[in-house]
N, C-alpha and C. Protein backbone atom coordinates (compact mmCIF):
# COMPACT_ATOMS: atom_id res chain seq x y z
N MET A 1 -83.62 20.65 44.08
CA MET A 1 -83.27 21.38 42.92
C MET A 1 -81.77 21.33 42.70
N ASN A 2 -81.11 21.42 43.75
CA ASN A 2 -79.66 21.35 43.67
C ASN A 2 -79.24 20.00 43.07
N GLU A 3 -79.98 19.04 43.34
CA GLU A 3 -79.64 17.73 42.84
C GLU A 3 -79.85 17.67 41.34
N VAL A 4 -80.88 18.33 40.85
CA VAL A 4 -81.16 18.34 39.42
C VAL A 4 -80.06 19.11 38.72
N VAL A 5 -79.65 20.20 39.27
CA VAL A 5 -78.61 21.02 38.67
C VAL A 5 -77.33 20.21 38.63
N ILE A 6 -77.06 19.55 39.70
CA ILE A 6 -75.82 18.76 39.77
C ILE A 6 -75.92 17.64 38.75
N LEU A 7 -77.09 17.06 38.62
CA LEU A 7 -77.27 15.96 37.68
C LEU A 7 -77.10 16.48 36.24
N VAL A 8 -77.67 17.66 35.99
CA VAL A 8 -77.56 18.24 34.65
C VAL A 8 -76.10 18.57 34.38
N LEU A 9 -75.47 19.16 35.40
CA LEU A 9 -74.05 19.51 35.22
C LEU A 9 -73.23 18.22 34.96
N LEU A 10 -73.53 17.20 35.69
CA LEU A 10 -72.80 15.95 35.50
C LEU A 10 -73.07 15.37 34.11
N LEU A 11 -74.33 15.47 33.71
CA LEU A 11 -74.69 14.97 32.39
C LEU A 11 -73.99 15.80 31.31
N ALA A 12 -73.95 17.12 31.51
CA ALA A 12 -73.28 17.99 30.54
C ALA A 12 -71.80 17.67 30.51
N LEU A 13 -71.25 17.46 31.70
CA LEU A 13 -69.82 17.12 31.75
C LEU A 13 -69.57 15.77 31.07
N ALA A 14 -70.48 14.82 31.21
CA ALA A 14 -70.34 13.52 30.58
C ALA A 14 -70.41 13.66 29.07
N VAL A 15 -71.37 14.50 28.61
CA VAL A 15 -71.51 14.71 27.16
C VAL A 15 -70.24 15.37 26.63
N ILE A 16 -69.72 16.39 27.36
CA ILE A 16 -68.51 17.08 26.94
C ILE A 16 -67.34 16.07 26.89
N ALA A 17 -67.29 15.23 27.90
CA ALA A 17 -66.22 14.25 27.96
C ALA A 17 -66.32 13.26 26.79
N ILE A 18 -67.59 12.87 26.49
CA ILE A 18 -67.80 11.94 25.37
C ILE A 18 -67.40 12.62 24.07
N VAL A 19 -67.80 13.90 23.90
CA VAL A 19 -67.45 14.64 22.68
C VAL A 19 -65.93 14.75 22.58
N ILE A 20 -65.31 15.09 23.72
CA ILE A 20 -63.83 15.21 23.71
C ILE A 20 -63.21 13.86 23.36
N LEU A 21 -63.78 12.79 23.94
CA LEU A 21 -63.25 11.47 23.64
C LEU A 21 -63.45 11.12 22.17
N ILE A 22 -64.65 11.46 21.64
CA ILE A 22 -64.90 11.19 20.22
C ILE A 22 -63.92 11.98 19.37
N PHE A 23 -63.72 13.28 19.73
CA PHE A 23 -62.80 14.13 18.98
C PHE A 23 -61.38 13.55 19.05
N LEU A 24 -60.98 13.16 20.25
CA LEU A 24 -59.64 12.60 20.41
C LEU A 24 -59.51 11.28 19.62
N CYS A 25 -60.57 10.48 19.65
CA CYS A 25 -60.53 9.21 18.89
C CYS A 25 -60.45 9.51 17.39
N TRP A 26 -61.28 10.51 16.99
CA TRP A 26 -61.27 10.86 15.57
C TRP A 26 -59.90 11.39 15.18
N GLN A 27 -59.30 12.24 16.00
CA GLN A 27 -57.97 12.79 15.72
C GLN A 27 -56.93 11.67 15.73
N LEU A 28 -57.05 10.79 16.68
CA LEU A 28 -56.12 9.66 16.76
C LEU A 28 -56.27 8.76 15.52
N GLN A 29 -57.55 8.54 15.13
CA GLN A 29 -57.79 7.74 13.95
C GLN A 29 -57.22 8.44 12.71
N PHE A 30 -57.36 9.74 12.62
CA PHE A 30 -56.81 10.49 11.50
C PHE A 30 -55.29 10.36 11.46
N GLN A 31 -54.67 10.49 12.66
CA GLN A 31 -53.21 10.36 12.74
C GLN A 31 -52.77 8.94 12.37
N VAL A 32 -53.55 7.95 12.85
CA VAL A 32 -53.22 6.56 12.51
C VAL A 32 -53.35 6.35 11.00
N GLY A 33 -54.43 6.89 10.40
CA GLY A 33 -54.61 6.77 8.94
C GLY A 33 -53.47 7.46 8.19
N ALA A 34 -53.08 8.66 8.69
CA ALA A 34 -51.98 9.38 8.06
C ALA A 34 -50.70 8.57 8.19
N ARG A 35 -50.49 8.00 9.38
CA ARG A 35 -49.29 7.17 9.57
C ARG A 35 -49.35 5.93 8.68
N ALA A 36 -50.55 5.37 8.54
CA ALA A 36 -50.70 4.18 7.70
C ALA A 36 -50.41 4.54 6.25
N ARG A 37 -50.91 5.72 5.82
CA ARG A 37 -50.61 6.17 4.46
C ARG A 37 -49.11 6.41 4.29
N ASP A 38 -48.50 7.03 5.32
CA ASP A 38 -47.05 7.24 5.27
C ASP A 38 -46.31 5.89 5.18
N LEU A 39 -46.78 4.94 6.01
CA LEU A 39 -46.14 3.61 5.99
C LEU A 39 -46.33 2.94 4.62
N THR A 40 -47.53 3.08 4.04
CA THR A 40 -47.77 2.51 2.71
C THR A 40 -46.86 3.16 1.68
N HIS A 41 -46.75 4.53 1.77
CA HIS A 41 -45.87 5.25 0.85
C HIS A 41 -44.40 4.79 1.03
N ILE A 42 -44.01 4.68 2.30
CA ILE A 42 -42.64 4.23 2.58
C ILE A 42 -42.43 2.79 2.08
N GLN A 43 -43.47 1.95 2.28
CA GLN A 43 -43.38 0.57 1.80
C GLN A 43 -43.24 0.55 0.28
N ALA A 44 -44.02 1.41 -0.41
CA ALA A 44 -43.92 1.49 -1.87
C ALA A 44 -42.53 1.95 -2.28
N GLN A 45 -41.98 2.96 -1.54
CA GLN A 45 -40.62 3.42 -1.84
C GLN A 45 -39.61 2.31 -1.61
N LEU A 46 -39.80 1.58 -0.50
CA LEU A 46 -38.90 0.46 -0.22
C LEU A 46 -38.99 -0.61 -1.32
N ASN A 47 -40.22 -0.89 -1.76
CA ASN A 47 -40.39 -1.88 -2.84
C ASN A 47 -39.71 -1.39 -4.11
N SER A 48 -39.90 -0.07 -4.40
CA SER A 48 -39.26 0.49 -5.59
C SER A 48 -37.74 0.42 -5.47
N ARG A 49 -37.23 0.79 -4.28
CA ARG A 49 -35.78 0.70 -4.07
C ARG A 49 -35.31 -0.74 -4.14
N ASN A 50 -36.12 -1.65 -3.61
CA ASN A 50 -35.76 -3.06 -3.66
C ASN A 50 -35.68 -3.53 -5.12
N ASP A 51 -36.65 -3.10 -5.95
CA ASP A 51 -36.61 -3.43 -7.38
C ASP A 51 -35.36 -2.85 -8.02
N GLU A 52 -35.02 -1.59 -7.66
CA GLU A 52 -33.82 -0.96 -8.21
C GLU A 52 -32.57 -1.73 -7.79
N VAL A 53 -32.56 -2.16 -6.50
CA VAL A 53 -31.40 -2.94 -6.02
C VAL A 53 -31.30 -4.26 -6.78
N ILE A 54 -32.46 -4.92 -6.99
CA ILE A 54 -32.45 -6.19 -7.72
C ILE A 54 -31.97 -5.97 -9.15
N GLN A 55 -32.47 -4.90 -9.80
CA GLN A 55 -32.05 -4.59 -11.16
C GLN A 55 -30.56 -4.26 -11.22
N PHE A 56 -30.10 -3.47 -10.24
CA PHE A 56 -28.67 -3.14 -10.18
C PHE A 56 -27.83 -4.39 -9.97
N GLN A 57 -28.30 -5.25 -9.07
CA GLN A 57 -27.59 -6.50 -8.80
C GLN A 57 -27.54 -7.36 -10.06
N SER A 58 -28.66 -7.39 -10.82
CA SER A 58 -28.69 -8.15 -12.06
C SER A 58 -27.69 -7.57 -13.07
N GLN A 59 -27.64 -6.22 -13.14
CA GLN A 59 -26.69 -5.57 -14.04
C GLN A 59 -25.25 -5.88 -13.63
N VAL A 60 -25.00 -5.81 -12.29
CA VAL A 60 -23.65 -6.12 -11.79
C VAL A 60 -23.29 -7.56 -12.12
N ASN A 61 -24.25 -8.48 -11.92
CA ASN A 61 -23.99 -9.89 -12.23
C ASN A 61 -23.71 -10.09 -13.73
N GLY A 62 -24.53 -9.41 -14.57
CA GLY A 62 -24.31 -9.50 -16.01
C GLY A 62 -22.95 -8.95 -16.40
N LEU A 63 -22.58 -7.80 -15.84
CA LEU A 63 -21.27 -7.21 -16.13
C LEU A 63 -20.15 -8.11 -15.65
N ALA A 64 -20.33 -8.69 -14.46
CA ALA A 64 -19.31 -9.61 -13.93
C ALA A 64 -19.16 -10.83 -14.83
N GLN A 65 -20.30 -11.35 -15.30
CA GLN A 65 -20.24 -12.51 -16.20
C GLN A 65 -19.56 -12.14 -17.52
N GLN A 66 -19.87 -10.94 -18.04
CA GLN A 66 -19.21 -10.49 -19.26
C GLN A 66 -17.70 -10.36 -19.06
N GLN A 67 -17.32 -9.74 -17.95
CA GLN A 67 -15.90 -9.57 -17.66
C GLN A 67 -15.22 -10.93 -17.51
N PHE A 68 -15.90 -11.85 -16.81
CA PHE A 68 -15.33 -13.18 -16.64
C PHE A 68 -15.20 -13.91 -17.98
N ALA A 69 -16.26 -13.79 -18.83
CA ALA A 69 -16.22 -14.45 -20.15
C ALA A 69 -15.10 -13.86 -21.00
N ALA A 70 -14.94 -12.53 -20.95
CA ALA A 70 -13.87 -11.90 -21.73
C ALA A 70 -12.50 -12.35 -21.22
N TRP A 71 -12.33 -12.39 -19.90
CA TRP A 71 -11.06 -12.85 -19.32
C TRP A 71 -10.79 -14.30 -19.71
N ARG A 72 -11.85 -15.14 -19.59
CA ARG A 72 -11.70 -16.56 -19.92
C ARG A 72 -11.32 -16.73 -21.38
N ASP A 73 -11.99 -15.97 -22.29
CA ASP A 73 -11.68 -16.07 -23.72
C ASP A 73 -10.24 -15.64 -24.00
N ARG A 74 -9.80 -14.55 -23.31
CA ARG A 74 -8.40 -14.11 -23.51
C ARG A 74 -7.43 -15.17 -23.02
N GLU A 75 -7.72 -15.75 -21.86
CA GLU A 75 -6.85 -16.80 -21.32
C GLU A 75 -6.81 -18.01 -22.25
N ILE A 76 -7.99 -18.40 -22.75
CA ILE A 76 -8.05 -19.55 -23.66
C ILE A 76 -7.25 -19.25 -24.92
N GLN A 77 -7.37 -18.01 -25.44
CA GLN A 77 -6.63 -17.63 -26.65
C GLN A 77 -5.13 -17.67 -26.39
N VAL A 78 -4.72 -17.16 -25.23
CA VAL A 78 -3.29 -17.16 -24.89
C VAL A 78 -2.79 -18.60 -24.80
N ILE A 79 -3.58 -19.47 -24.15
CA ILE A 79 -3.18 -20.88 -24.00
C ILE A 79 -3.12 -21.55 -25.37
N ARG A 80 -4.11 -21.23 -26.24
CA ARG A 80 -4.10 -21.82 -27.59
C ARG A 80 -2.86 -21.38 -28.35
N GLU A 81 -2.54 -20.08 -28.27
CA GLU A 81 -1.37 -19.59 -28.99
C GLU A 81 -0.09 -20.23 -28.46
N GLU A 82 0.01 -20.35 -27.13
CA GLU A 82 1.19 -20.99 -26.55
C GLU A 82 1.28 -22.45 -26.97
N LEU A 83 0.11 -23.13 -26.95
CA LEU A 83 0.08 -24.54 -27.35
C LEU A 83 0.44 -24.68 -28.82
N HIS A 84 -0.12 -23.80 -29.67
CA HIS A 84 0.20 -23.84 -31.10
C HIS A 84 1.69 -23.62 -31.33
N GLU A 85 2.24 -22.62 -30.64
CA GLU A 85 3.67 -22.32 -30.80
C GLU A 85 4.51 -23.51 -30.34
N SER A 86 4.10 -24.12 -29.22
CA SER A 86 4.83 -25.28 -28.71
C SER A 86 4.78 -26.44 -29.70
N ILE A 87 3.58 -26.69 -30.25
CA ILE A 87 3.43 -27.78 -31.21
C ILE A 87 4.25 -27.50 -32.47
N MET A 88 4.19 -26.24 -32.95
CA MET A 88 4.96 -25.89 -34.15
C MET A 88 6.46 -26.04 -33.89
N GLU A 89 6.90 -25.64 -32.71
CA GLU A 89 8.32 -25.78 -32.37
C GLU A 89 8.72 -27.25 -32.34
N GLN A 90 7.86 -28.09 -31.74
CA GLN A 90 8.14 -29.52 -31.71
C GLN A 90 8.16 -30.10 -33.13
N ALA A 91 7.20 -29.63 -33.96
CA ALA A 91 7.16 -30.13 -35.35
C ALA A 91 8.41 -29.70 -36.11
N ARG A 92 8.83 -28.42 -35.91
CA ARG A 92 10.05 -27.96 -36.59
C ARG A 92 11.26 -28.78 -36.15
N ASN A 93 11.34 -29.02 -34.84
CA ASN A 93 12.47 -29.82 -34.32
C ASN A 93 12.44 -31.23 -34.88
N ALA A 94 11.23 -31.83 -34.90
CA ALA A 94 11.11 -33.20 -35.43
C ALA A 94 11.46 -33.24 -36.91
N PHE A 95 11.00 -32.20 -37.66
CA PHE A 95 11.31 -32.15 -39.08
C PHE A 95 12.80 -32.00 -39.32
N GLN A 96 13.44 -31.11 -38.55
CA GLN A 96 14.88 -30.92 -38.69
C GLN A 96 15.63 -32.21 -38.34
N GLN A 97 15.18 -32.89 -37.30
CA GLN A 97 15.79 -34.16 -36.91
C GLN A 97 15.64 -35.18 -38.04
N TRP A 98 14.39 -35.28 -38.59
CA TRP A 98 14.14 -36.21 -39.70
C TRP A 98 14.99 -35.81 -40.90
N GLN A 99 15.06 -34.50 -41.18
CA GLN A 99 15.83 -34.03 -42.34
C GLN A 99 17.30 -34.40 -42.21
N MET A 100 17.85 -34.20 -41.00
CA MET A 100 19.26 -34.53 -40.79
C MET A 100 19.48 -36.02 -40.93
N GLU A 101 18.53 -36.82 -40.41
CA GLU A 101 18.69 -38.27 -40.46
C GLU A 101 18.55 -38.82 -41.87
N THR A 102 17.67 -38.20 -42.67
CA THR A 102 17.39 -38.77 -44.00
C THR A 102 18.09 -38.04 -45.13
N GLU A 103 18.74 -36.91 -44.84
CA GLU A 103 19.36 -36.13 -45.92
C GLU A 103 20.41 -36.95 -46.67
N ALA A 104 21.23 -37.68 -45.90
CA ALA A 104 22.26 -38.50 -46.55
C ALA A 104 21.60 -39.56 -47.44
N ASN A 105 20.53 -40.19 -46.94
CA ASN A 105 19.83 -41.20 -47.74
C ASN A 105 19.20 -40.58 -48.99
N ILE A 106 18.62 -39.39 -48.81
CA ILE A 106 17.99 -38.71 -49.95
C ILE A 106 19.04 -38.37 -51.01
N ARG A 107 20.17 -37.84 -50.56
CA ARG A 107 21.23 -37.49 -51.52
C ARG A 107 21.75 -38.74 -52.23
N ALA A 108 21.97 -39.79 -51.46
CA ALA A 108 22.46 -41.03 -52.07
C ALA A 108 21.45 -41.57 -53.07
N ASP A 109 20.15 -41.51 -52.71
CA ASP A 109 19.11 -42.00 -53.61
C ASP A 109 19.03 -41.14 -54.86
N ALA A 110 19.15 -39.79 -54.69
CA ALA A 110 19.12 -38.89 -55.84
C ALA A 110 20.29 -39.16 -56.78
N ILE A 111 21.47 -39.36 -56.19
CA ILE A 111 22.66 -39.66 -57.01
C ILE A 111 22.46 -40.99 -57.74
N LYS A 112 21.91 -41.97 -57.03
CA LYS A 112 21.68 -43.29 -57.64
C LYS A 112 20.70 -43.18 -58.80
N GLN A 113 19.59 -42.43 -58.59
CA GLN A 113 18.61 -42.26 -59.66
C GLN A 113 19.20 -41.49 -60.83
N SER A 114 19.96 -40.43 -60.52
CA SER A 114 20.59 -39.64 -61.57
C SER A 114 21.57 -40.50 -62.37
N SER A 115 22.33 -41.31 -61.65
CA SER A 115 23.27 -42.20 -62.32
C SER A 115 22.55 -43.19 -63.21
N ALA A 116 21.41 -43.69 -62.73
CA ALA A 116 20.65 -44.66 -63.53
C ALA A 116 20.12 -44.02 -64.79
N VAL A 117 19.63 -42.74 -64.68
CA VAL A 117 19.12 -42.05 -65.87
C VAL A 117 20.24 -41.80 -66.87
N VAL A 118 21.38 -41.30 -66.38
CA VAL A 118 22.52 -41.03 -67.28
C VAL A 118 23.00 -42.33 -67.92
N SER A 119 23.10 -43.36 -67.10
CA SER A 119 23.55 -44.65 -67.62
C SER A 119 22.60 -45.16 -68.68
N GLY A 120 21.28 -45.00 -68.44
CA GLY A 120 20.29 -45.43 -69.42
C GLY A 120 20.41 -44.68 -70.72
N LYS A 121 20.62 -43.34 -70.65
CA LYS A 121 20.76 -42.54 -71.87
C LYS A 121 22.02 -42.93 -72.65
N VAL A 122 23.10 -43.14 -71.93
CA VAL A 122 24.35 -43.55 -72.60
C VAL A 122 24.15 -44.90 -73.26
N THR A 123 23.50 -45.83 -72.55
CA THR A 123 23.26 -47.17 -73.10
C THR A 123 22.42 -47.08 -74.37
N GLU A 124 21.37 -46.20 -74.35
CA GLU A 124 20.52 -46.05 -75.53
C GLU A 124 21.33 -45.55 -76.73
N HIS A 125 22.24 -44.59 -76.49
CA HIS A 125 23.05 -44.05 -77.58
C HIS A 125 24.06 -45.08 -78.13
N LEU A 126 24.64 -45.83 -77.21
CA LEU A 126 25.72 -46.74 -77.62
C LEU A 126 25.24 -48.15 -77.97
N MET A 127 23.97 -48.44 -77.71
CA MET A 127 23.45 -49.79 -77.93
C MET A 127 23.76 -50.33 -79.33
N PRO A 128 23.59 -49.55 -80.40
CA PRO A 128 23.87 -50.11 -81.74
C PRO A 128 25.32 -50.55 -81.92
N TYR A 129 26.24 -50.02 -81.11
CA TYR A 129 27.66 -50.33 -81.29
C TYR A 129 28.15 -51.40 -80.32
N MET A 130 27.23 -51.95 -79.55
CA MET A 130 27.61 -53.03 -78.64
C MET A 130 27.44 -54.36 -79.36
N GLY A 131 28.22 -55.31 -78.93
CA GLY A 131 28.22 -56.62 -79.60
C GLY A 131 26.89 -57.35 -79.52
N VAL A 132 26.03 -57.01 -78.58
CA VAL A 132 24.78 -57.75 -78.41
C VAL A 132 23.66 -57.20 -79.30
N PHE A 133 23.88 -56.07 -80.00
CA PHE A 133 22.83 -55.44 -80.81
C PHE A 133 22.54 -56.34 -82.01
N PRO A 134 21.29 -56.73 -82.23
CA PRO A 134 20.98 -57.73 -83.26
C PRO A 134 20.89 -57.18 -84.67
N TYR A 135 21.10 -55.87 -84.87
CA TYR A 135 20.97 -55.27 -86.21
C TYR A 135 22.26 -54.57 -86.58
N ASN A 136 22.38 -54.23 -87.85
CA ASN A 136 23.54 -53.51 -88.34
C ASN A 136 23.49 -52.09 -87.77
N PRO A 137 24.53 -51.61 -87.08
CA PRO A 137 24.51 -50.27 -86.49
C PRO A 137 24.28 -49.18 -87.52
N LYS A 138 24.66 -49.42 -88.80
CA LYS A 138 24.46 -48.42 -89.83
C LYS A 138 22.97 -48.22 -90.14
N ASP A 139 22.15 -49.21 -89.81
CA ASP A 139 20.71 -49.13 -90.09
C ASP A 139 19.93 -48.46 -88.95
N ALA A 140 20.57 -48.21 -87.81
CA ALA A 140 19.87 -47.67 -86.62
C ALA A 140 19.96 -46.15 -86.61
N ARG A 141 18.84 -45.49 -86.27
CA ARG A 141 18.78 -44.04 -86.11
C ARG A 141 18.24 -43.74 -84.71
N PHE A 142 18.98 -42.97 -83.96
CA PHE A 142 18.58 -42.64 -82.58
C PHE A 142 17.55 -41.50 -82.58
N LEU A 143 16.43 -41.70 -81.90
CA LEU A 143 15.43 -40.64 -81.70
C LEU A 143 15.46 -40.13 -80.25
N GLY A 144 15.48 -41.03 -79.31
CA GLY A 144 15.50 -40.66 -77.89
C GLY A 144 14.10 -40.53 -77.30
N ALA A 145 13.20 -39.85 -78.01
CA ALA A 145 11.83 -39.70 -77.53
C ALA A 145 10.93 -39.56 -78.75
N PRO A 146 9.79 -40.11 -78.77
CA PRO A 146 9.16 -40.90 -77.71
C PRO A 146 9.63 -42.35 -77.66
N ILE A 147 10.44 -42.78 -78.66
CA ILE A 147 11.08 -44.11 -78.58
C ILE A 147 12.56 -43.90 -78.81
N ASP A 148 13.34 -44.93 -78.49
CA ASP A 148 14.79 -44.77 -78.54
C ASP A 148 15.35 -44.82 -79.97
N LEU A 149 15.02 -45.85 -80.73
CA LEU A 149 15.66 -46.06 -82.04
C LEU A 149 14.63 -46.47 -83.09
N ILE A 150 14.94 -46.13 -84.35
CA ILE A 150 14.26 -46.73 -85.50
C ILE A 150 15.33 -47.46 -86.30
N VAL A 151 15.07 -48.71 -86.59
CA VAL A 151 16.03 -49.53 -87.34
C VAL A 151 15.45 -49.79 -88.72
N PHE A 152 16.17 -49.34 -89.73
CA PHE A 152 15.81 -49.62 -91.12
C PHE A 152 16.61 -50.87 -91.53
N ASN A 153 16.10 -52.01 -91.18
CA ASN A 153 16.81 -53.29 -91.30
C ASN A 153 17.14 -53.62 -92.76
N GLY A 154 18.44 -53.63 -93.06
CA GLY A 154 18.92 -53.98 -94.40
C GLY A 154 19.14 -52.79 -95.30
N LEU A 155 18.83 -51.58 -94.90
CA LEU A 155 18.95 -50.40 -95.75
C LEU A 155 20.39 -50.12 -96.16
N SER A 156 21.32 -50.29 -95.23
CA SER A 156 22.73 -50.01 -95.55
C SER A 156 23.26 -50.94 -96.62
N GLU A 157 22.66 -52.12 -96.81
CA GLU A 157 23.09 -53.08 -97.82
C GLU A 157 22.23 -52.98 -99.07
N GLY A 158 21.32 -52.00 -99.09
CA GLY A 158 20.47 -51.81 -100.26
C GLY A 158 19.30 -52.77 -100.35
N ASN A 159 19.00 -53.47 -99.26
CA ASN A 159 17.91 -54.43 -99.27
C ASN A 159 17.05 -54.24 -98.01
N LEU A 160 16.22 -53.21 -98.00
CA LEU A 160 15.38 -52.90 -96.83
C LEU A 160 14.36 -54.01 -96.64
N GLN A 161 14.43 -54.66 -95.51
CA GLN A 161 13.51 -55.78 -95.23
C GLN A 161 12.32 -55.33 -94.37
N ASP A 162 12.59 -54.55 -93.35
CA ASP A 162 11.51 -54.04 -92.51
C ASP A 162 12.01 -52.84 -91.71
N ILE A 163 11.05 -52.12 -91.15
CA ILE A 163 11.37 -50.97 -90.30
C ILE A 163 10.93 -51.34 -88.88
N ILE A 164 11.85 -51.17 -87.95
CA ILE A 164 11.60 -51.62 -86.57
C ILE A 164 11.69 -50.41 -85.64
N PHE A 165 10.63 -50.23 -84.84
CA PHE A 165 10.64 -49.22 -83.78
C PHE A 165 11.18 -49.91 -82.53
N LEU A 166 12.32 -49.45 -82.02
CA LEU A 166 13.02 -50.19 -80.97
C LEU A 166 13.14 -49.34 -79.70
N GLU A 167 12.68 -49.89 -78.61
CA GLU A 167 12.81 -49.24 -77.29
C GLU A 167 13.81 -50.06 -76.49
N VAL A 168 14.85 -49.42 -75.96
CA VAL A 168 15.91 -50.10 -75.21
C VAL A 168 15.56 -50.00 -73.72
N LYS A 169 15.51 -51.11 -73.03
CA LYS A 169 15.22 -51.14 -71.59
C LYS A 169 16.32 -51.93 -70.89
N THR A 170 16.64 -51.52 -69.67
CA THR A 170 17.64 -52.23 -68.87
C THR A 170 16.98 -52.72 -67.60
N GLY A 171 17.48 -53.79 -67.07
CA GLY A 171 16.99 -54.31 -65.80
C GLY A 171 15.51 -54.66 -65.85
N ALA A 172 14.78 -54.28 -64.81
CA ALA A 172 13.36 -54.62 -64.71
C ALA A 172 12.47 -53.47 -65.11
N SER A 173 13.02 -52.48 -65.82
CA SER A 173 12.21 -51.31 -66.19
C SER A 173 11.12 -51.72 -67.17
N SER A 174 9.99 -50.99 -67.14
CA SER A 174 8.85 -51.32 -68.00
C SER A 174 8.51 -50.13 -68.89
N LEU A 175 7.63 -50.37 -69.86
CA LEU A 175 7.23 -49.33 -70.79
C LEU A 175 6.39 -48.27 -70.09
N SER A 176 6.58 -47.02 -70.53
CA SER A 176 5.74 -45.94 -70.01
C SER A 176 4.39 -45.98 -70.73
N ALA A 177 3.45 -45.16 -70.28
CA ALA A 177 2.12 -45.13 -70.90
C ALA A 177 2.24 -44.70 -72.37
N ARG A 178 3.06 -43.70 -72.66
CA ARG A 178 3.23 -43.24 -74.05
C ARG A 178 3.86 -44.33 -74.91
N GLU A 179 4.85 -45.02 -74.34
CA GLU A 179 5.51 -46.09 -75.10
C GLU A 179 4.53 -47.23 -75.40
N ARG A 180 3.65 -47.53 -74.43
CA ARG A 180 2.64 -48.57 -74.66
C ARG A 180 1.67 -48.15 -75.76
N GLN A 181 1.29 -46.85 -75.79
CA GLN A 181 0.40 -46.37 -76.85
C GLN A 181 1.05 -46.53 -78.23
N ILE A 182 2.34 -46.16 -78.33
CA ILE A 182 3.06 -46.30 -79.61
C ILE A 182 3.12 -47.77 -80.02
N ARG A 183 3.45 -48.65 -79.07
CA ARG A 183 3.50 -50.09 -79.35
C ARG A 183 2.16 -50.59 -79.87
N ASP A 184 1.04 -50.14 -79.25
CA ASP A 184 -0.29 -50.62 -79.65
C ASP A 184 -0.66 -50.11 -81.04
N VAL A 185 -0.31 -48.85 -81.34
CA VAL A 185 -0.62 -48.30 -82.67
C VAL A 185 0.13 -49.09 -83.74
N ILE A 186 1.40 -49.39 -83.50
CA ILE A 186 2.21 -50.15 -84.48
C ILE A 186 1.68 -51.57 -84.60
N SER A 187 1.35 -52.19 -83.47
CA SER A 187 0.84 -53.57 -83.50
C SER A 187 -0.49 -53.65 -84.25
N ASN A 188 -1.28 -52.62 -84.18
CA ASN A 188 -2.57 -52.60 -84.88
C ASN A 188 -2.44 -52.09 -86.32
N ARG A 189 -1.17 -51.91 -86.76
CA ARG A 189 -0.84 -51.53 -88.14
C ARG A 189 -1.48 -50.19 -88.55
N ARG A 190 -1.53 -49.28 -87.60
CA ARG A 190 -2.03 -47.94 -87.93
C ARG A 190 -0.83 -47.04 -88.24
N VAL A 191 -0.03 -47.48 -89.20
CA VAL A 191 1.17 -46.77 -89.64
C VAL A 191 1.00 -46.49 -91.13
N SER A 192 1.34 -45.29 -91.56
CA SER A 192 1.16 -44.97 -92.98
C SER A 192 2.36 -44.17 -93.48
N TRP A 193 2.45 -44.08 -94.84
CA TRP A 193 3.50 -43.29 -95.51
C TRP A 193 2.83 -42.09 -96.14
N ARG A 194 3.44 -40.91 -95.95
CA ARG A 194 2.91 -39.70 -96.58
C ARG A 194 4.07 -38.84 -97.02
N GLU A 195 3.80 -38.03 -98.01
CA GLU A 195 4.78 -37.06 -98.47
C GLU A 195 4.24 -35.64 -98.22
N PHE A 196 5.12 -34.78 -97.82
CA PHE A 196 4.75 -33.38 -97.60
C PHE A 196 5.64 -32.55 -98.49
N ARG A 197 5.07 -31.93 -99.47
CA ARG A 197 5.86 -31.15 -100.43
C ARG A 197 5.70 -29.67 -100.11
N VAL A 198 6.82 -28.99 -100.04
CA VAL A 198 6.81 -27.55 -99.80
C VAL A 198 6.91 -26.89 -101.17
N GLY A 199 6.22 -25.78 -101.35
CA GLY A 199 6.07 -25.08 -102.64
C GLY A 199 7.26 -25.19 -103.60
N ASN A 200 6.95 -25.18 -104.93
CA ASN A 200 7.95 -25.34 -106.00
C ASN A 200 8.60 -24.04 -106.35
């Protein structure tokens, strides 16, 4: 009988031990699950923080690129302005050099042209009184523009033979466009006589 009691006691102790082991396993499993949930939560937080770090890093990179682009644009603008100023200074110096070198030539050329114009005007006025003029000076009337002279050939002697529109040229000078138009109108005989009477 003692053996049965001992066996029952041992069996009861084994059952208690198994129950305790099951309880401990269940508690350990619960703690492991809780730790796993904590680890998952921490992992999610780490992932969220990692995303925030990546986003912050992207913002920092964007800001750095903007700052660099702004600095680069300012530097480029400064270099352009310096280059423009340098080029303008060189151009001013070159222009002043050219002006000094050519001013004497320009003045001499202007004086020469002015002298030629004055000489031409004087020649036009005095042409009828020069020995080479082919008409009677009394028959010549100076206009100056758009042609130099009109010659009423023979009028001073009372015998008008013809009326001549005369342009005086010196050297290799040629007719202007207006002078050519007048020549063509006269050559085509588009000349007429009219009277204009002002009230009686």
